[in-house]
Structure formats: structure tokens, C-alpha cells
Amino acid sequence: MINSKLKNRNLSQEDVFNFSELFKLMKPRVMSLVIFTCAVGLLMAPTAISTKDAMIAILLVSIGAGAAGALNMWYESDLDALMTRTCLRPIPIGKVNRKQALIFGTSLSFFSVIALDYFANTLSAALLLFTILFYVFVYTIWLKRKTPQNIVIGGAAGALPPVIGWTIATNSLSLEPITFFLIIFFWTPSHFWALSLYKSDDYKKAKIPMLPLTNGIESTKLNILVYSLLMLPMIIIPYVIGLVGLVFLIPSLMLTLYYNFLCFELYKFKKDKFNPKKAKTIFGYSILYLFLIFVIFLIDKIL
């Protein structure tokens, strides 16, 4: 199936090194989430900065995230070629070679960190550098091929953009931005394990030790449910520390309880089996859920 997909691509020499393919290396969908959560972190901060400075800083953070994505694709190109979900990425289909991806990702990493230090502050640049290094070396190179906990630990990288947004505005760290981090960090496992359930054949081909393959379906369903339940205290913490009011708390709790319900429905399905449709629903809803949570942060701030 993968081979047929690759053969059906009409490749031309002129396309081998073009901007659109390089942009795909940056994982645009992931970048969009980074831009959004970083912007929310910045806007929630008590210190305001100019619109121009904010836009430049958020752009640089998104470039840094894209650089990490490019380096991830560089290192994992062999795995990407084996999986139906990733086999049409630029490197497996020959649009970009590994050396080009490495140079591109490394160059963007240096540029984004140095520029953020110049346009914002050293703390934000240091956090961006840590995020890139953690995603590439800890998650991609070390954890992903070795442990089913890759998503849990590696999720720290994806949880840092709103913290960086806060530090761009304040040049300081405090408990408030840590709550953003905790929400994304504890959201990540249930989100990706739902995906791994109905894409387990892909991960099996690539020999990636995702939870359904190492611990079985029943354990995966239980872990998805547990992590969805952990979102309840994560949602309450911002209210407890006074970052938000009831405008945030009530709708966020309702969204979380529905997420819990979906995960419970998945869990109570037949032992050692799962409902693929329900797993896909959880994966899709989890994306909407996180987006809405951060939208409600802004609504609460405005009101």
C-alpha cells in the first residue's frame, strides 16, 4: 500500500528542493498549535508588549518549533517511509534529502534562538533552545524507539510554547505559566494513545514501542482514561491560584467531563478490544478540546 502511494507520486527534478517541501518539514499543523498556545501564554501575561514585538516573537517561536519538526523528520525518515500516516512526507518521497533537512533544521534552530534572544529576552530564547533540544535529542533520538513512555516524557516539549509566550512578555517564570504547561503535558498521552490504538499496525511496522504494542489494548484504554481524569485537577489549578475565574472554570470542566465520558466509553468496550470509531472520536475531540480550553483562557481574561 505504501509502495503504491509512493509510485503514484509524479516526481520531477525541479521539485527536489523547493520552499513548499521544506515548509512541510516544519510540520505546519503542529506549528499552528504552537503559534496559538504561545500567543495565549503571551496574552494571558500581566505585562503587555507591543503588537509588533509580540508578532515577531511568536513567529520566531513557531520557526523554532518548525526547526525541531524538520530535525525530527531528518532522524526518523526511515520510520516515516514505513508508515501510511507519514510515508508521503518530503524525505520518504524524495522531494528533500536527509542532508538538506539536517541543514535546514539546524539553521532554523540557530536563527530562531538567536533572534528571539535579540527581539525578546534571554530567558525566552533559553526555553526555546531547551524545547528544541529536548524534542530532538530526548524524545526523537532517545525515547521514541526505546520506551512506550516516549509520549509521556516527550510531551514536555509540546507543553512549553505557552510558557515561552508568558516569558516573552514578562521575562520571568511563575506558577501561572506552569499551569499552561501542566494542561498540555497531561493532555498529550490520552491524545496520542488514542491515535496509537487505531494506527497500531503502522507503529508495529516501524517497530515503535507504543503502548498498545508493549502493554496491550486493555492497558492502553485504562491509561487513556486515567490521563483524561487527570485533566480535571489540571483544569482546576488555574482557578485555585487566581489566574482565572468561573468564566473559565465552568465551561472547561464541562468540556473535560465530556472527554472523560468518551474515554470511559472506550475503556468499557470488550476486554482486550477497542472500538476504532470511538478511538478516532477521542483523538479528534482531544484536539478540539485543547483548542477550546485555551480559547476560554482568553475569554476569561477579556471578561
Protein backbone atom coordinates (compact mmCIF):
# COMPACT_ATOMS: atom_id res chain seq x y z
CA MET A 1 0.00 0.00 0.00
CA ILE A 2 2.81 2.40 0.94
CA ASN A 3 4.79 1.50 -2.17
CA SER A 4 1.78 2.17 -4.38
CA LYS A 5 1.38 5.59 -2.78
CA LEU A 6 4.99 6.40 -3.47
CA LYS A 7 4.88 5.17 -7.07
CA ASN A 8 1.81 7.24 -7.81
CA ARG A 9 3.67 10.43 -6.99
CA ASN A 10 4.84 12.27 -10.09
CA LEU A 11 8.30 13.46 -9.04
CA SER A 12 10.31 15.91 -11.10
CA GLN A 13 13.91 17.06 -10.63
CA GLU A 14 12.84 20.69 -10.31
CA ASP A 15 10.72 19.85 -7.26
CA VAL A 16 13.55 18.27 -5.30
CA PHE A 17 14.47 21.38 -3.36
CA ASN A 18 11.66 23.89 -3.20
CA PHE A 19 10.25 26.01 -0.46
CA SER A 20 6.88 24.25 -0.18
CA GLU A 21 8.57 20.92 0.53
CA LEU A 22 10.90 22.50 3.07
CA PHE A 23 7.90 24.10 4.74
CA LYS A 24 6.27 20.66 5.05
CA LEU A 25 9.32 19.52 7.00
CA MET A 26 8.35 22.04 9.66
CA LYS A 27 5.08 20.21 10.42
CA PRO A 28 2.71 23.14 9.74
CA ARG A 29 -0.19 21.66 11.71
CA VAL A 30 1.99 21.33 14.79
CA MET A 31 3.32 24.85 14.19
CA SER A 32 -0.21 26.23 14.16
CA LEU A 33 -0.83 24.78 17.63
CA VAL A 34 2.49 26.21 18.83
CA ILE A 35 1.60 29.66 17.47
CA PHE A 36 -1.80 29.57 19.14
CA THR A 37 -0.73 28.33 22.59
CA CYS A 38 2.30 30.64 22.61
CA ALA A 39 0.05 33.59 21.76
CA VAL A 40 -2.35 32.67 24.56
CA GLY A 41 0.51 32.48 27.05
CA LEU A 42 1.71 35.89 25.93
CA LEU A 43 -1.75 37.48 26.05
CA MET A 44 -2.51 36.00 29.48
CA ALA A 45 0.62 37.57 30.96
CA PRO A 46 0.15 40.63 33.20
CA THR A 47 2.71 42.61 31.20
CA ALA A 48 1.76 43.90 27.76
CA ILE A 49 4.20 44.33 24.89
CA SER A 50 3.71 46.00 21.52
CA THR A 51 1.83 44.13 18.81
CA LYS A 52 4.89 44.26 16.56
CA ASP A 53 7.20 42.75 19.18
CA ALA A 54 4.61 40.10 20.04
CA MET A 55 4.16 39.06 16.40
CA ILE A 56 7.92 38.85 15.79
CA ALA A 57 8.48 36.81 18.95
CA ILE A 58 5.63 34.36 18.24
CA LEU A 59 6.89 33.95 14.66
CA LEU A 60 10.36 33.10 15.96
CA VAL A 61 8.96 30.55 18.42
CA SER A 62 6.99 28.92 15.59
CA ILE A 63 10.15 28.83 13.45
CA GLY A 64 11.96 27.11 16.33
CA ALA A 65 9.15 24.57 16.59
CA GLY A 66 9.33 24.04 12.83
CA ALA A 67 13.08 23.54 13.08
CA ALA A 68 12.53 20.79 15.66
CA GLY A 69 9.98 19.20 13.32
CA ALA A 70 12.46 19.26 10.44
CA LEU A 71 15.15 17.63 12.57
CA ASN A 72 12.61 15.04 13.70
CA MET A 73 11.83 14.19 10.06
CA TRP A 74 15.55 14.06 9.28
CA TYR A 75 16.20 11.50 12.00
CA GLU A 76 13.02 9.47 11.51
CA SER A 77 12.93 9.33 7.70
CA ASP A 78 13.44 5.56 7.79
CA LEU A 79 10.43 5.13 10.08
CA ASP A 80 8.31 7.61 8.12
CA ALA A 81 8.80 5.54 4.94
CA LEU A 82 7.24 2.52 6.66
CA MET A 83 4.07 4.14 7.97
CA THR A 84 0.98 5.01 5.93
CA ARG A 85 0.46 8.13 8.06
CA THR A 86 3.90 9.53 7.23
CA CYS A 87 5.10 7.86 4.02
CA LEU A 88 4.25 10.89 1.88
CA ARG A 89 6.41 13.27 3.86
CA PRO A 90 9.08 15.11 1.81
CA ILE A 91 12.07 12.86 2.62
CA PRO A 92 10.43 9.42 2.00
CA ILE A 93 9.12 10.53 -1.41
CA GLY A 94 12.45 12.07 -2.41
CA LYS A 95 11.44 15.72 -2.53
CA VAL A 96 14.08 16.59 0.08
CA ASN A 97 17.11 14.54 1.09
CA ARG A 98 18.29 13.95 4.65
CA LYS A 99 21.29 16.27 4.36
CA GLN A 100 19.10 19.15 3.20
CA ALA A 101 16.66 18.50 6.06
CA LEU A 102 19.50 18.46 8.61
CA ILE A 103 20.97 21.73 7.33
CA PHE A 104 17.53 23.34 7.16
CA GLY A 105 16.51 22.27 10.66
CA THR A 106 19.84 23.19 12.24
CA SER A 107 19.96 26.60 10.54
CA LEU A 108 16.42 27.47 11.63
CA SER A 109 17.20 26.36 15.18
CA PHE A 110 20.17 28.71 15.48
CA PHE A 111 18.31 31.55 13.80
CA SER A 112 15.17 31.30 15.92
CA VAL A 113 17.02 31.11 19.25
CA ILE A 114 19.50 33.90 18.49
CA ALA A 115 16.78 36.15 17.05
CA LEU A 116 14.42 35.54 19.99
CA ASP A 117 17.23 36.48 22.37
CA TYR A 118 17.66 39.73 20.42
CA PHE A 119 13.99 40.66 19.94
CA ALA A 120 12.62 39.36 23.27
CA ASN A 121 14.86 38.20 26.11
CA THR A 122 17.42 35.57 27.06
CA LEU A 123 15.03 33.57 29.24
CA SER A 124 12.61 33.02 26.33
CA ALA A 125 15.49 32.13 24.00
CA ALA A 126 16.85 29.65 26.54
CA LEU A 127 13.44 27.99 26.90
CA LEU A 128 13.10 27.77 23.11
CA LEU A 129 16.57 26.20 22.86
CA PHE A 130 15.68 23.73 25.61
CA THR A 131 12.43 22.86 23.79
CA ILE A 132 14.22 22.14 20.51
CA LEU A 133 16.98 20.10 22.14
CA PHE A 134 14.53 18.16 24.30
CA TYR A 135 12.28 17.30 21.33
CA VAL A 136 15.17 16.25 19.09
CA PHE A 137 17.56 14.52 21.49
CA VAL A 138 15.40 13.32 24.39
CA TYR A 139 12.16 12.45 22.56
CA THR A 140 13.16 11.72 18.95
CA ILE A 141 16.60 10.16 19.32
CA TRP A 142 16.48 8.65 22.82
CA LEU A 143 12.93 7.82 23.91
CA LYS A 144 10.75 7.21 20.87
CA ARG A 145 12.33 3.90 19.79
CA LYS A 146 13.03 2.66 23.30
CA THR A 147 10.03 3.08 25.63
CA PRO A 148 6.22 3.26 25.50
CA GLN A 149 6.56 6.25 27.82
CA ASN A 150 8.01 8.25 24.92
CA ILE A 151 4.82 10.30 24.58
CA VAL A 152 4.54 10.98 28.30
CA ILE A 153 8.07 12.32 28.79
CA GLY A 154 8.39 13.77 25.30
CA GLY A 155 5.17 15.70 25.81
CA ALA A 156 7.15 18.25 27.83
CA ALA A 157 8.45 19.79 24.60
CA GLY A 158 4.95 20.40 23.24
CA ALA A 159 3.83 21.86 26.55
CA LEU A 160 6.41 24.66 26.66
CA PRO A 161 5.23 27.15 23.95
CA PRO A 162 2.65 28.93 26.20
CA VAL A 163 5.30 29.19 28.91
CA ILE A 164 7.64 30.80 26.37
CA GLY A 165 4.82 33.16 25.40
CA TRP A 166 4.47 34.23 29.05
CA THR A 167 8.23 34.79 29.43
CA ILE A 168 8.33 36.84 26.21
CA ALA A 169 6.01 39.35 27.89
CA THR A 170 7.30 39.18 31.47
CA ASN A 171 10.91 37.95 31.25
CA SER A 172 10.13 35.82 34.29
CA LEU A 173 8.74 32.44 35.31
CA SER A 174 5.99 31.93 37.87
CA LEU A 175 3.30 29.45 38.84
CA GLU A 176 0.76 30.82 36.34
CA PRO A 177 2.52 29.72 33.12
CA ILE A 178 3.32 26.36 34.72
CA THR A 179 -0.44 25.67 34.70
CA PHE A 180 -0.44 26.00 30.90
CA PHE A 181 2.43 23.52 30.80
CA LEU A 182 0.62 21.04 33.04
CA ILE A 183 -2.58 21.15 30.98
CA ILE A 184 -0.80 20.30 27.72
CA PHE A 185 1.58 17.83 29.39
CA PHE A 186 -1.22 15.75 30.91
CA TRP A 187 -3.40 16.10 27.78
CA THR A 188 -0.74 14.66 25.44
CA PRO A 189 -0.76 10.95 26.45
CA SER A 190 -4.50 10.32 26.03
CA HIS A 191 -4.42 12.24 22.74
CA PHE A 192 -1.59 10.21 21.20
CA TRP A 193 -2.52 6.85 22.71
CA ALA A 194 -5.96 7.14 21.13
CA LEU A 195 -4.17 7.61 17.80
CA SER A 196 -1.86 4.69 18.51
CA LEU A 197 -4.81 2.37 19.05
CA TYR A 198 -6.19 2.66 15.53
CA LYS A 199 -2.75 3.16 13.95
CA SER A 200 -1.08 0.28 15.81
CA ASP A 201 -0.27 -1.57 12.57
CA ASP A 202 1.75 1.44 11.44
CA TYR A 203 3.72 1.55 14.67
CA LYS A 204 4.24 -2.21 14.51
CA LYS A 205 5.79 -1.95 11.02
CA ALA A 206 8.09 0.80 12.21
CA LYS A 207 8.90 -1.08 15.45
CA ILE A 208 7.98 1.91 17.59
CA PRO A 209 7.11 0.72 21.13
CA MET A 210 3.77 2.44 21.52
CA LEU A 211 1.62 1.36 24.46
CA PRO A 212 -0.86 -0.89 22.55
CA LEU A 213 2.08 -2.97 21.27
CA THR A 214 4.06 -3.20 24.51
CA ASN A 215 1.31 -3.30 27.15
CA GLY A 216 -1.75 -4.38 25.18
CA ILE A 217 -5.07 -2.79 24.31
CA GLU A 218 -6.62 -3.08 27.77
CA SER A 219 -3.72 -1.28 29.45
CA THR A 220 -3.80 1.43 26.78
CA LYS A 221 -7.52 2.03 27.27
CA LEU A 222 -7.01 2.28 31.04
CA ASN A 223 -4.14 4.73 30.64
CA ILE A 224 -6.20 6.89 28.27
CA LEU A 225 -8.99 7.02 30.84
CA VAL A 226 -6.63 7.79 33.73
CA TYR A 227 -4.92 10.63 31.89
CA SER A 228 -8.27 12.07 30.83
CA LEU A 229 -9.32 12.09 34.50
CA LEU A 230 -6.09 13.83 35.45
CA MET A 231 -7.25 16.74 33.32
CA LEU A 232 -9.85 17.58 35.97
CA PRO A 233 -7.34 18.79 38.60
CA MET A 234 -5.21 20.38 35.85
CA ILE A 235 -8.21 22.49 34.81
CA ILE A 236 -8.99 23.45 38.40
CA ILE A 237 -5.45 24.62 39.29
CA PRO A 238 -5.61 27.91 37.28
CA TYR A 239 -8.79 28.79 39.19
CA VAL A 240 -7.29 27.87 42.57
CA ILE A 241 -4.25 30.11 42.06
CA GLY A 242 -6.40 33.01 40.88
CA LEU A 243 -5.29 33.09 37.25
CA VAL A 244 -8.89 32.63 36.01
CA GLY A 245 -12.45 32.87 37.28
CA LEU A 246 -15.66 30.92 36.89
CA VAL A 247 -15.92 32.04 33.25
CA PHE A 248 -13.02 29.66 32.60
CA LEU A 249 -13.70 27.02 35.21
CA ILE A 250 -17.30 26.05 34.44
CA PRO A 251 -17.12 25.53 30.65
CA SER A 252 -13.67 23.93 30.94
CA LEU A 253 -14.97 21.42 33.48
CA MET A 254 -17.89 20.61 31.19
CA LEU A 255 -15.55 20.02 28.25
CA THR A 256 -13.32 17.86 30.45
CA LEU A 257 -16.17 15.77 31.82
CA TYR A 258 -17.32 15.02 28.27
CA TYR A 259 -13.75 13.99 27.45
CA ASN A 260 -13.81 11.70 30.49
CA PHE A 261 -17.09 10.21 29.26
CA LEU A 262 -15.68 9.45 25.80
CA CYS A 263 -12.61 7.81 27.32
CA PHE A 264 -14.75 5.77 29.71
CA GLU A 265 -16.88 4.57 26.78
CA LEU A 266 -13.68 3.42 25.07
CA TYR A 267 -12.46 1.72 28.25
CA LYS A 268 -15.63 -0.23 28.99
CA PHE A 269 -15.70 -1.78 25.48
CA LYS A 270 -14.96 -5.52 25.25
CA LYS A 271 -11.89 -6.70 27.14
CA ASP A 272 -8.69 -6.58 25.08
CA LYS A 273 -10.59 -4.99 22.19
CA PHE A 274 -11.42 -1.41 21.27
CA ASN A 275 -13.89 0.49 19.14
CA PRO A 276 -11.86 2.12 16.31
CA LYS A 277 -14.57 4.71 15.72
CA LYS A 278 -14.51 5.71 19.40
CA ALA A 279 -10.70 5.92 19.40
CA LYS A 280 -10.83 8.22 16.36
CA THR A 281 -13.53 10.30 18.05
CA ILE A 282 -11.35 10.72 21.16
CA PHE A 283 -8.36 11.71 19.04
CA GLY A 284 -10.40 14.28 17.12
CA TYR A 285 -12.18 15.64 20.18
CA SER A 286 -8.90 15.94 22.09
CA ILE A 287 -7.62 18.43 19.50
CA LEU A 288 -10.81 20.48 19.69
CA TYR A 289 -10.77 20.19 23.49
CA LEU A 290 -7.29 21.67 23.89
CA PHE A 291 -8.09 24.45 21.42
CA LEU A 292 -11.27 25.39 23.29
CA ILE A 293 -9.55 25.32 26.68
CA PHE A 294 -7.05 27.91 25.50
CA VAL A 295 -9.77 29.96 23.82
CA ILE A 296 -11.63 30.04 27.13
CA PHE A 297 -8.45 31.26 28.84
CA LEU A 298 -8.60 34.33 26.58
CA ILE A 299 -12.35 34.81 27.04
CA ASP A 300 -11.90 34.74 30.82
CA LYS A 301 -9.08 37.29 30.57
CA ILE A 302 -11.23 39.62 28.44
CA LEU A 303 -14.27 39.36 30.71
